Amino acid sequence: MSLVTIMPSGKTIEAAEGTTLLSAILAADENLTHKCEGKAACGTCHIYIQDGRKGVSKIARDENERLDTIVGIGSKSRLACQAKVLGTMDIKVELLGFGSGL
């Protein structure tokens, strides 16, 4: 289990190993747009991982290709639908503004 802290609200939720960050964020009653239902096809669930990047799965080819199409990505960028909790450390994510992955 890892603790996932969601900014800017500061909510914290426990997430089991294998849980996507999208699932954890939605379980915390946070609103995060996700148009493609977790298929890395749209980029609308773009988030920043502020702390604990080694506590989530590595970026796969599909996610990397989608991130390459998004304006404003950086080294902390991930798609919440693709990043899975490894359960090895706590994670802090930052939800971005509406439509950040468009």
N, C-alpha and C. Protein backbone atom coordinates (compact mmCIF):
# COMPACT_ATOMS: atom_id res chain seq x y z
N MET A 1 0.83 -1.19 0.00
CA MET A 1 0.00 0.00 0.00
C MET A 1 0.88 1.25 0.00
N SER A 2 0.41 2.22 -0.72
CA SER A 2 1.07 3.52 -0.74
C SER A 2 0.03 4.59 -0.43
N LEU A 3 0.48 5.68 0.16
CA LEU A 3 -0.38 6.83 0.34
C LEU A 3 -0.22 7.72 -0.88
N VAL A 4 -1.34 8.13 -1.47
CA VAL A 4 -1.33 9.04 -2.60
C VAL A 4 -1.93 10.36 -2.13
N THR A 5 -1.13 11.42 -2.19
CA THR A 5 -1.60 12.76 -1.82
C THR A 5 -1.89 13.52 -3.10
N ILE A 6 -3.07 14.11 -3.14
CA ILE A 6 -3.54 14.78 -4.34
C ILE A 6 -3.56 16.28 -4.11
N MET A 7 -2.81 16.99 -4.92
CA MET A 7 -2.73 18.44 -4.82
C MET A 7 -3.55 19.05 -5.95
N PRO A 8 -4.17 20.18 -5.81
CA PRO A 8 -3.99 21.12 -4.72
C PRO A 8 -4.88 20.88 -3.51
N SER A 9 -5.78 19.89 -3.52
CA SER A 9 -6.71 19.72 -2.40
C SER A 9 -6.04 19.23 -1.13
N GLY A 10 -4.94 18.47 -1.27
CA GLY A 10 -4.26 17.90 -0.11
C GLY A 10 -4.88 16.60 0.38
N LYS A 11 -5.89 16.08 -0.31
CA LYS A 11 -6.50 14.81 0.09
C LYS A 11 -5.47 13.70 -0.03
N THR A 12 -5.56 12.74 0.90
CA THR A 12 -4.67 11.58 0.88
C THR A 12 -5.52 10.32 0.92
N ILE A 13 -5.13 9.34 0.11
CA ILE A 13 -5.86 8.08 0.04
C ILE A 13 -4.85 6.94 -0.05
N GLU A 14 -5.21 5.79 0.52
CA GLU A 14 -4.37 4.60 0.39
C GLU A 14 -4.66 3.94 -0.95
N ALA A 15 -3.61 3.51 -1.63
CA ALA A 15 -3.77 2.83 -2.92
C ALA A 15 -2.97 1.53 -2.89
N ALA A 16 -3.62 0.46 -3.29
CA ALA A 16 -2.97 -0.85 -3.32
C ALA A 16 -2.06 -0.97 -4.53
N GLU A 17 -1.11 -1.85 -4.43
CA GLU A 17 -0.22 -2.15 -5.55
C GLU A 17 -1.04 -2.54 -6.78
N GLY A 18 -0.71 -1.97 -7.94
CA GLY A 18 -1.41 -2.27 -9.17
C GLY A 18 -2.56 -1.33 -9.49
N THR A 19 -2.94 -0.49 -8.54
CA THR A 19 -4.00 0.49 -8.76
C THR A 19 -3.47 1.61 -9.64
N THR A 20 -4.24 2.03 -10.64
CA THR A 20 -3.81 3.19 -11.43
C THR A 20 -4.02 4.45 -10.60
N LEU A 21 -3.21 5.47 -10.90
CA LEU A 21 -3.40 6.73 -10.21
C LEU A 21 -4.77 7.32 -10.52
N LEU A 22 -5.28 7.08 -11.72
CA LEU A 22 -6.61 7.55 -12.07
C LEU A 22 -7.64 6.96 -11.11
N SER A 23 -7.58 5.66 -10.88
CA SER A 23 -8.52 5.01 -9.96
C SER A 23 -8.41 5.56 -8.55
N ALA A 24 -7.18 5.79 -8.09
CA ALA A 24 -6.96 6.33 -6.75
C ALA A 24 -7.52 7.76 -6.64
N ILE A 25 -7.28 8.57 -7.66
CA ILE A 25 -7.76 9.96 -7.66
C ILE A 25 -9.28 9.99 -7.66
N LEU A 26 -9.91 9.16 -8.48
CA LEU A 26 -11.37 9.12 -8.52
C LEU A 26 -11.95 8.58 -7.22
N ALA A 27 -11.26 7.63 -6.59
CA ALA A 27 -11.71 7.08 -5.31
C ALA A 27 -11.67 8.13 -4.20
N ALA A 28 -10.84 9.14 -4.37
CA ALA A 28 -10.74 10.23 -3.39
C ALA A 28 -11.77 11.32 -3.67
N ASP A 29 -12.70 11.03 -4.57
CA ASP A 29 -13.75 12.00 -4.95
C ASP A 29 -13.19 13.26 -5.57
N GLU A 30 -12.08 13.12 -6.27
CA GLU A 30 -11.52 14.24 -7.02
C GLU A 30 -12.00 14.13 -8.46
N ASN A 31 -12.15 15.23 -9.12
CA ASN A 31 -12.60 15.25 -10.50
C ASN A 31 -11.38 15.30 -11.41
N LEU A 32 -11.26 14.32 -12.28
CA LEU A 32 -10.18 14.29 -13.26
C LEU A 32 -10.76 13.78 -14.57
N THR A 33 -10.70 14.61 -15.60
CA THR A 33 -11.23 14.23 -16.90
C THR A 33 -10.46 13.03 -17.44
N HIS A 34 -11.20 12.09 -18.01
CA HIS A 34 -10.59 10.89 -18.58
C HIS A 34 -11.51 10.37 -19.68
N LYS A 35 -11.32 10.88 -20.86
CA LYS A 35 -12.24 10.61 -21.98
C LYS A 35 -12.10 9.24 -22.61
N CYS A 36 -10.93 8.63 -22.54
CA CYS A 36 -10.73 7.37 -23.27
C CYS A 36 -10.86 6.13 -22.38
N GLU A 37 -11.29 6.32 -21.14
CA GLU A 37 -11.48 5.20 -20.21
C GLU A 37 -10.22 4.37 -19.99
N GLY A 38 -9.07 5.05 -19.89
CA GLY A 38 -7.83 4.38 -19.50
C GLY A 38 -7.05 3.70 -20.60
N LYS A 39 -7.21 4.13 -21.82
CA LYS A 39 -6.52 3.48 -22.94
C LYS A 39 -5.34 4.28 -23.48
N ALA A 40 -4.95 5.36 -22.80
CA ALA A 40 -3.84 6.23 -23.23
C ALA A 40 -4.07 6.80 -24.61
N ALA A 41 -5.33 7.01 -24.97
CA ALA A 41 -5.66 7.49 -26.31
C ALA A 41 -5.97 8.99 -26.37
N CYS A 42 -6.18 9.64 -25.21
CA CYS A 42 -6.62 11.03 -25.28
C CYS A 42 -5.70 12.03 -24.57
N GLY A 43 -5.08 11.64 -23.49
CA GLY A 43 -4.19 12.55 -22.76
C GLY A 43 -4.88 13.47 -21.78
N THR A 44 -6.20 13.34 -21.60
CA THR A 44 -6.91 14.26 -20.72
C THR A 44 -6.63 14.04 -19.24
N CYS A 45 -6.07 12.90 -18.88
CA CYS A 45 -5.77 12.64 -17.46
C CYS A 45 -4.31 12.96 -17.13
N HIS A 46 -3.71 13.86 -17.89
CA HIS A 46 -2.33 14.29 -17.68
C HIS A 46 -2.20 14.90 -16.28
N ILE A 47 -1.24 14.40 -15.50
CA ILE A 47 -0.95 14.91 -14.17
C ILE A 47 0.56 15.08 -14.03
N TYR A 48 0.97 15.73 -12.95
CA TYR A 48 2.39 15.78 -12.57
C TYR A 48 2.57 14.93 -11.32
N ILE A 49 3.61 14.13 -11.29
CA ILE A 49 3.98 13.41 -10.07
C ILE A 49 5.06 14.23 -9.39
N GLN A 50 4.70 14.87 -8.29
CA GLN A 50 5.61 15.77 -7.59
C GLN A 50 6.64 15.01 -6.75
N ASP A 51 6.19 13.98 -6.08
CA ASP A 51 7.08 13.16 -5.24
C ASP A 51 6.72 11.69 -5.44
N GLY A 52 7.72 10.83 -5.32
CA GLY A 52 7.49 9.39 -5.38
C GLY A 52 7.40 8.81 -6.78
N ARG A 53 8.09 9.42 -7.73
CA ARG A 53 8.03 8.91 -9.11
C ARG A 53 8.52 7.47 -9.23
N LYS A 54 9.41 7.06 -8.34
CA LYS A 54 9.89 5.67 -8.38
C LYS A 54 8.87 4.71 -7.77
N GLY A 55 7.81 5.26 -7.22
CA GLY A 55 6.75 4.44 -6.64
C GLY A 55 5.63 4.11 -7.62
N VAL A 56 5.82 4.49 -8.90
CA VAL A 56 4.83 4.15 -9.93
C VAL A 56 5.53 3.41 -11.07
N SER A 57 4.73 2.73 -11.86
CA SER A 57 5.26 1.95 -12.98
C SER A 57 6.00 2.84 -13.98
N LYS A 58 6.87 2.22 -14.75
CA LYS A 58 7.61 2.94 -15.79
C LYS A 58 6.68 3.31 -16.94
N ILE A 59 7.07 4.33 -17.68
CA ILE A 59 6.27 4.77 -18.83
C ILE A 59 6.39 3.75 -19.96
N ALA A 60 5.25 3.28 -20.44
CA ALA A 60 5.21 2.36 -21.59
C ALA A 60 5.17 3.16 -22.89
N ARG A 61 5.40 2.48 -23.99
CA ARG A 61 5.46 3.14 -25.30
C ARG A 61 4.20 3.93 -25.63
N ASP A 62 3.01 3.34 -25.42
CA ASP A 62 1.75 4.03 -25.74
C ASP A 62 1.61 5.33 -24.96
N GLU A 63 1.94 5.29 -23.67
CA GLU A 63 1.85 6.50 -22.85
C GLU A 63 2.85 7.54 -23.32
N ASN A 64 4.07 7.12 -23.59
CA ASN A 64 5.11 8.05 -24.04
C ASN A 64 4.72 8.73 -25.35
N GLU A 65 4.16 7.95 -26.27
CA GLU A 65 3.72 8.52 -27.54
C GLU A 65 2.61 9.54 -27.34
N ARG A 66 1.68 9.28 -26.42
CA ARG A 66 0.59 10.22 -26.15
C ARG A 66 1.15 11.48 -25.48
N LEU A 67 2.05 11.31 -24.53
CA LEU A 67 2.64 12.48 -23.86
C LEU A 67 3.36 13.38 -24.85
N ASP A 68 3.97 12.79 -25.86
CA ASP A 68 4.68 13.57 -26.88
C ASP A 68 3.77 14.52 -27.64
N THR A 69 2.46 14.27 -27.61
CA THR A 69 1.51 15.11 -28.34
C THR A 69 0.92 16.22 -27.48
N ILE A 70 1.26 16.26 -26.20
CA ILE A 70 0.65 17.21 -25.27
C ILE A 70 1.57 18.40 -25.04
N VAL A 71 1.00 19.58 -25.12
CA VAL A 71 1.75 20.81 -24.84
C VAL A 71 1.90 20.95 -23.32
N GLY A 72 3.09 21.31 -22.87
CA GLY A 72 3.30 21.57 -21.45
C GLY A 72 3.73 20.37 -20.63
N ILE A 73 4.17 19.30 -21.27
CA ILE A 73 4.63 18.16 -20.49
C ILE A 73 6.05 18.41 -19.98
N GLY A 74 6.40 17.69 -18.94
CA GLY A 74 7.74 17.80 -18.38
C GLY A 74 8.16 16.45 -17.83
N SER A 75 9.27 16.45 -17.13
CA SER A 75 9.81 15.19 -16.61
C SER A 75 8.91 14.56 -15.55
N LYS A 76 8.00 15.34 -14.98
CA LYS A 76 7.08 14.83 -13.95
C LYS A 76 5.74 14.43 -14.53
N SER A 77 5.56 14.57 -15.84
CA SER A 77 4.28 14.28 -16.48
C SER A 77 4.01 12.80 -16.58
N ARG A 78 2.77 12.42 -16.32
CA ARG A 78 2.28 11.06 -16.52
C ARG A 78 0.81 11.13 -16.90
N LEU A 79 0.33 10.06 -17.49
CA LEU A 79 -1.11 9.89 -17.67
C LEU A 79 -1.59 9.07 -16.48
N ALA A 80 -2.55 9.61 -15.75
CA ALA A 80 -3.02 8.94 -14.54
C ALA A 80 -3.61 7.56 -14.83
N CYS A 81 -4.13 7.38 -16.04
CA CYS A 81 -4.73 6.09 -16.40
C CYS A 81 -3.68 5.01 -16.63
N GLN A 82 -2.44 5.39 -16.84
CA GLN A 82 -1.38 4.42 -17.16
C GLN A 82 -0.41 4.20 -16.02
N ALA A 83 -0.25 5.17 -15.14
CA ALA A 83 0.71 5.06 -14.03
C ALA A 83 0.11 4.19 -12.92
N LYS A 84 0.75 3.07 -12.64
CA LYS A 84 0.27 2.14 -11.62
C LYS A 84 1.12 2.23 -10.37
N VAL A 85 0.46 2.20 -9.22
CA VAL A 85 1.12 2.24 -7.93
C VAL A 85 1.89 0.94 -7.72
N LEU A 86 3.16 1.06 -7.35
CA LEU A 86 3.98 -0.13 -7.08
C LEU A 86 3.89 -0.56 -5.62
N GLY A 87 3.43 0.34 -4.75
CA GLY A 87 3.30 0.01 -3.33
C GLY A 87 4.59 0.13 -2.56
N THR A 88 5.62 0.73 -3.17
CA THR A 88 6.93 0.81 -2.53
C THR A 88 7.19 2.14 -1.82
N MET A 89 6.45 3.19 -2.19
CA MET A 89 6.65 4.49 -1.55
C MET A 89 5.41 5.35 -1.74
N ASP A 90 5.31 6.39 -0.91
CA ASP A 90 4.19 7.31 -1.02
C ASP A 90 4.38 8.22 -2.22
N ILE A 91 3.27 8.72 -2.75
CA ILE A 91 3.27 9.48 -3.99
C ILE A 91 2.47 10.76 -3.79
N LYS A 92 2.97 11.85 -4.37
CA LYS A 92 2.23 13.11 -4.37
C LYS A 92 2.03 13.52 -5.82
N VAL A 93 0.74 13.72 -6.19
CA VAL A 93 0.42 14.10 -7.56
C VAL A 93 -0.23 15.48 -7.57
N GLU A 94 -0.07 16.17 -8.68
CA GLU A 94 -0.71 17.47 -8.87
C GLU A 94 -1.67 17.38 -10.04
N LEU A 95 -2.93 17.69 -9.75
CA LEU A 95 -3.94 17.73 -10.80
C LEU A 95 -3.76 19.05 -11.53
N LEU A 96 -3.81 18.99 -12.82
CA LEU A 96 -3.60 20.19 -13.64
C LEU A 96 -4.93 20.80 -14.02
N GLY A 97 -4.89 21.95 -14.65
CA GLY A 97 -6.11 22.65 -15.04
C GLY A 97 -6.94 21.88 -16.04
N PHE A 98 -8.18 22.32 -16.20
CA PHE A 98 -9.12 21.68 -17.11
C PHE A 98 -8.52 21.56 -18.50
N GLY A 99 -8.60 20.36 -19.06
CA GLY A 99 -8.15 20.15 -20.42
C GLY A 99 -6.65 20.22 -20.61
N SER A 100 -5.88 19.95 -19.57
CA SER A 100 -4.42 20.07 -19.69
C SER A 100 -3.83 19.10 -20.69
N GLY A 101 -4.52 18.00 -20.94
CA GLY A 101 -3.99 17.02 -21.87
C GLY A 101 -4.48 17.18 -23.29
N LEU A 102 -5.08 18.31 -23.58
CA LEU A 102 -5.62 18.52 -24.94
C LEU A 102 -4.62 19.21 -25.82
